[in-house]
Each structure stands twice: as structure tokens, then as C-alpha cells.
Amino acid sequence: MMRLINRTTRLGEMYRNEKMKQYGLKGMHHTYILNICNNPGVTQEKLAEIIYVNKSNVTRQLTNLEKAGYVTRSPDPKDGRKLLVYPTDKAREVYPKVAKILKEWNEMILDGFSIEEQELLLEHMSKIMNKAKAKVDKMDTD
């Protein structure tokens, strides 16, 4: 099962890379754009939690997105040790294009599935993800 999930993920990344290269985006940049636009002023730490990556990956990706003009970072006025991340106009402009690319991918890979099958697949995948998250969260407390 994990082999199939991982391969599907890599194929999705290849598709996104091709479709988003015209915007200077690749890899996981779509996740950052969507989450920062939906949560302006999010801390880097919270962003890492939301997208399930480590803080160093967030820092590296945000540096790339900042250089490309998609985000800005500023110190948190309440805690100067934290950085708040905001989308730029460029990010807000590309947001619907990124969302459309993701929607198209989902529609392509689910083509031929009935609505009921799609809902069941989503339900099962959510259960799997929640179990995985619970297991990892438990590791953090052990």
C-alpha cells in the first residue's frame, strides 16, 4: 500500500512541477502557497505542523519562496524569536491557478470512479492518515 501511495505522490509531484514551472514553483511549493494564503501571519512553526514537515524544511522552502517574491517574513511583535509568514500579491494572484492545477490532477486520477467510490476512497484515506498521525504523535510523547 505505501509503495502505491508513494508512487502516486511522486507522479503527482511530476505533474505539478510541469504545470507550475511557468510560475517558478515546484515540489511542495503549492502546499506553502495554499496554506500561507489561507493563514496569513502564520508562524513558521505552525506551518510545519499544518503540512507535516520539519522546521528546517519550512525555513528552506520559505527562503526560496521569499526570493521568488511569493512570501514575506517578519518578526512576531509578541515574540521576536518567531517569524510570521505572509503571502504577497504574487502569491495571492497564483493561488487560484495552483488550486486549479490540483483540482485538475484530482479529477484526472479519479476519472472513472463514481461519486460514492470517491467519497469512500477519501474516507478510507482520511482514516489511514489519522492513524498514521496518531502513531507519530504518540512517538513524540514517549
Protein backbone atom coordinates (compact mmCIF):
# COMPACT_ATOMS: atom_id res chain seq x y z
CA MET A 1 0.00 0.00 0.00
CA MET A 2 2.72 2.51 0.95
CA ARG A 3 4.58 1.76 -2.28
CA LEU A 4 1.47 2.71 -4.27
CA ILE A 5 0.84 5.83 -2.19
CA ASN A 6 4.48 6.93 -2.55
CA ARG A 7 4.49 6.33 -6.31
CA THR A 8 1.21 8.21 -6.73
CA THR A 9 2.66 11.07 -4.68
CA ARG A 10 5.79 11.20 -6.86
CA LEU A 11 3.69 11.13 -10.05
CA GLY A 12 1.58 13.98 -8.68
CA GLU A 13 4.74 15.94 -7.94
CA MET A 14 5.96 15.40 -11.51
CA TYR A 15 2.62 16.66 -12.83
CA ARG A 16 2.65 19.72 -10.53
CA ASN A 17 6.27 20.51 -11.39
CA GLU A 18 5.43 20.57 -15.10
CA LYS A 19 2.26 22.62 -14.67
CA MET A 20 3.69 25.09 -12.13
CA LYS A 21 7.11 25.72 -13.65
CA GLN A 22 5.68 28.69 -15.56
CA TYR A 23 5.16 30.33 -12.13
CA GLY A 24 8.61 29.38 -10.82
CA LEU A 25 7.05 26.87 -8.41
CA LYS A 26 7.89 23.21 -7.91
CA GLY A 27 7.79 20.36 -5.44
CA MET A 28 5.83 21.23 -2.34
CA HIS A 29 5.57 24.96 -3.06
CA HIS A 30 1.85 24.57 -3.77
CA THR A 31 1.27 23.44 -0.18
CA TYR A 32 3.05 26.51 1.17
CA ILE A 33 1.22 28.92 -1.15
CA LEU A 34 -2.20 27.50 -0.28
CA ASN A 35 -1.60 27.37 3.47
CA ILE A 36 0.02 30.80 3.74
CA CYS A 37 -2.73 32.43 1.68
CA ASN A 38 -5.34 30.70 3.87
CA ASN A 39 -3.48 31.60 7.10
CA PRO A 40 -1.72 34.96 6.61
CA GLY A 41 0.59 35.69 9.52
CA VAL A 42 1.11 32.01 10.35
CA THR A 43 4.33 31.23 12.23
CA GLN A 44 6.92 29.01 10.61
CA GLU A 45 6.44 26.53 13.47
CA LYS A 46 2.69 26.34 12.94
CA LEU A 47 3.18 25.95 9.21
CA ALA A 48 5.47 22.96 9.87
CA GLU A 49 2.69 21.40 11.98
CA ILE A 50 0.00 22.07 9.39
CA ILE A 51 1.87 20.46 6.50
CA TYR A 52 3.71 17.74 8.47
CA VAL A 53 7.30 18.68 7.68
CA ASN A 54 10.21 19.57 9.91
CA LYS A 55 11.09 23.17 10.69
CA SER A 56 14.30 23.15 8.65
CA ASN A 57 12.35 22.18 5.52
CA VAL A 58 9.92 25.04 6.16
CA THR A 59 12.79 27.50 6.55
CA ARG A 60 14.46 26.30 3.33
CA GLN A 61 11.24 26.39 1.28
CA LEU A 62 10.21 29.78 2.64
CA THR A 63 13.63 31.17 1.73
CA ASN A 64 13.06 30.01 -1.86
CA LEU A 65 9.52 31.43 -1.94
CA GLU A 66 10.69 34.71 -0.41
CA LYS A 67 13.43 35.06 -3.05
CA ALA A 68 10.82 34.37 -5.75
CA GLY A 69 8.55 37.08 -4.32
CA TYR A 70 5.74 34.83 -3.06
CA VAL A 71 6.04 35.42 0.70
CA THR A 72 7.41 37.84 3.23
CA ARG A 73 8.52 37.07 6.77
CA SER A 74 8.60 39.41 9.70
CA PRO A 75 9.30 39.02 13.41
CA ASP A 76 6.30 38.33 15.61
CA PRO A 77 5.71 41.52 17.66
CA LYS A 78 4.67 39.34 20.63
CA ASP A 79 7.70 37.04 20.41
CA GLY A 80 10.67 38.29 18.39
CA ARG A 81 12.09 34.76 18.19
CA LYS A 82 9.25 33.72 15.88
CA LEU A 83 8.72 34.72 12.27
CA LEU A 84 5.30 35.40 10.82
CA VAL A 85 4.75 34.49 7.18
CA TYR A 86 2.54 36.50 4.85
CA PRO A 87 1.56 35.98 1.21
CA THR A 88 2.50 38.68 -1.28
CA ASP A 89 0.24 39.90 -4.06
CA LYS A 90 2.12 37.49 -6.31
CA ALA A 91 1.11 34.56 -4.08
CA ARG A 92 -2.50 35.69 -3.93
CA GLU A 93 -2.51 36.01 -7.72
CA VAL A 94 -1.13 32.49 -8.30
CA TYR A 95 -3.33 30.89 -5.62
CA PRO A 96 -6.35 30.18 -7.90
CA LYS A 97 -4.04 28.85 -10.62
CA VAL A 98 -2.40 26.45 -8.17
CA ALA A 99 -5.79 25.36 -6.83
CA LYS A 100 -6.95 24.71 -10.41
CA ILE A 101 -3.89 22.55 -11.16
CA LEU A 102 -4.53 20.48 -8.03
CA LYS A 103 -8.22 20.14 -8.88
CA GLU A 104 -7.39 19.01 -12.43
CA TRP A 105 -4.98 16.36 -11.09
CA ASN A 106 -7.58 15.02 -8.68
CA GLU A 107 -10.21 14.92 -11.42
CA MET A 108 -7.83 13.08 -13.78
CA ILE A 109 -6.79 10.41 -11.30
CA LEU A 110 -10.36 9.89 -10.07
CA ASP A 111 -11.86 9.76 -13.56
CA GLY A 112 -14.00 6.65 -13.85
CA PHE A 113 -14.74 6.48 -10.12
CA SER A 114 -18.34 7.06 -9.10
CA ILE A 115 -19.08 9.82 -6.59
CA GLU A 116 -19.72 7.12 -3.99
CA GLU A 117 -16.36 5.46 -4.74
CA GLN A 118 -14.58 8.82 -4.50
CA GLU A 119 -16.21 9.57 -1.15
CA LEU A 120 -15.36 6.09 0.16
CA LEU A 121 -11.75 6.42 -1.00
CA LEU A 122 -11.46 9.80 0.70
CA GLU A 123 -12.98 8.39 3.88
CA HIS A 124 -10.56 5.45 3.92
CA MET A 125 -7.53 7.61 3.11
CA SER A 126 -8.54 10.00 5.93
CA LYS A 127 -8.71 7.08 8.36
CA ILE A 128 -5.25 5.92 7.27
CA MET A 129 -3.81 9.43 7.63
CA ASN A 130 -5.38 9.91 11.06
CA LYS A 131 -3.99 6.58 12.29
CA ALA A 132 -0.54 7.50 10.97
CA LYS A 133 -0.72 10.91 12.66
CA ALA A 134 -1.82 9.38 15.96
CA LYS A 135 1.08 6.92 15.83
CA VAL A 136 3.62 9.66 15.12
CA ASP A 137 2.11 11.96 17.77
CA LYS A 138 2.36 9.11 20.30
CA MET A 139 6.04 8.68 19.42
CA ASP A 140 6.62 12.34 20.30
CA THR A 141 5.19 11.81 23.80
CA ASP A 142 7.03 8.52 24.52
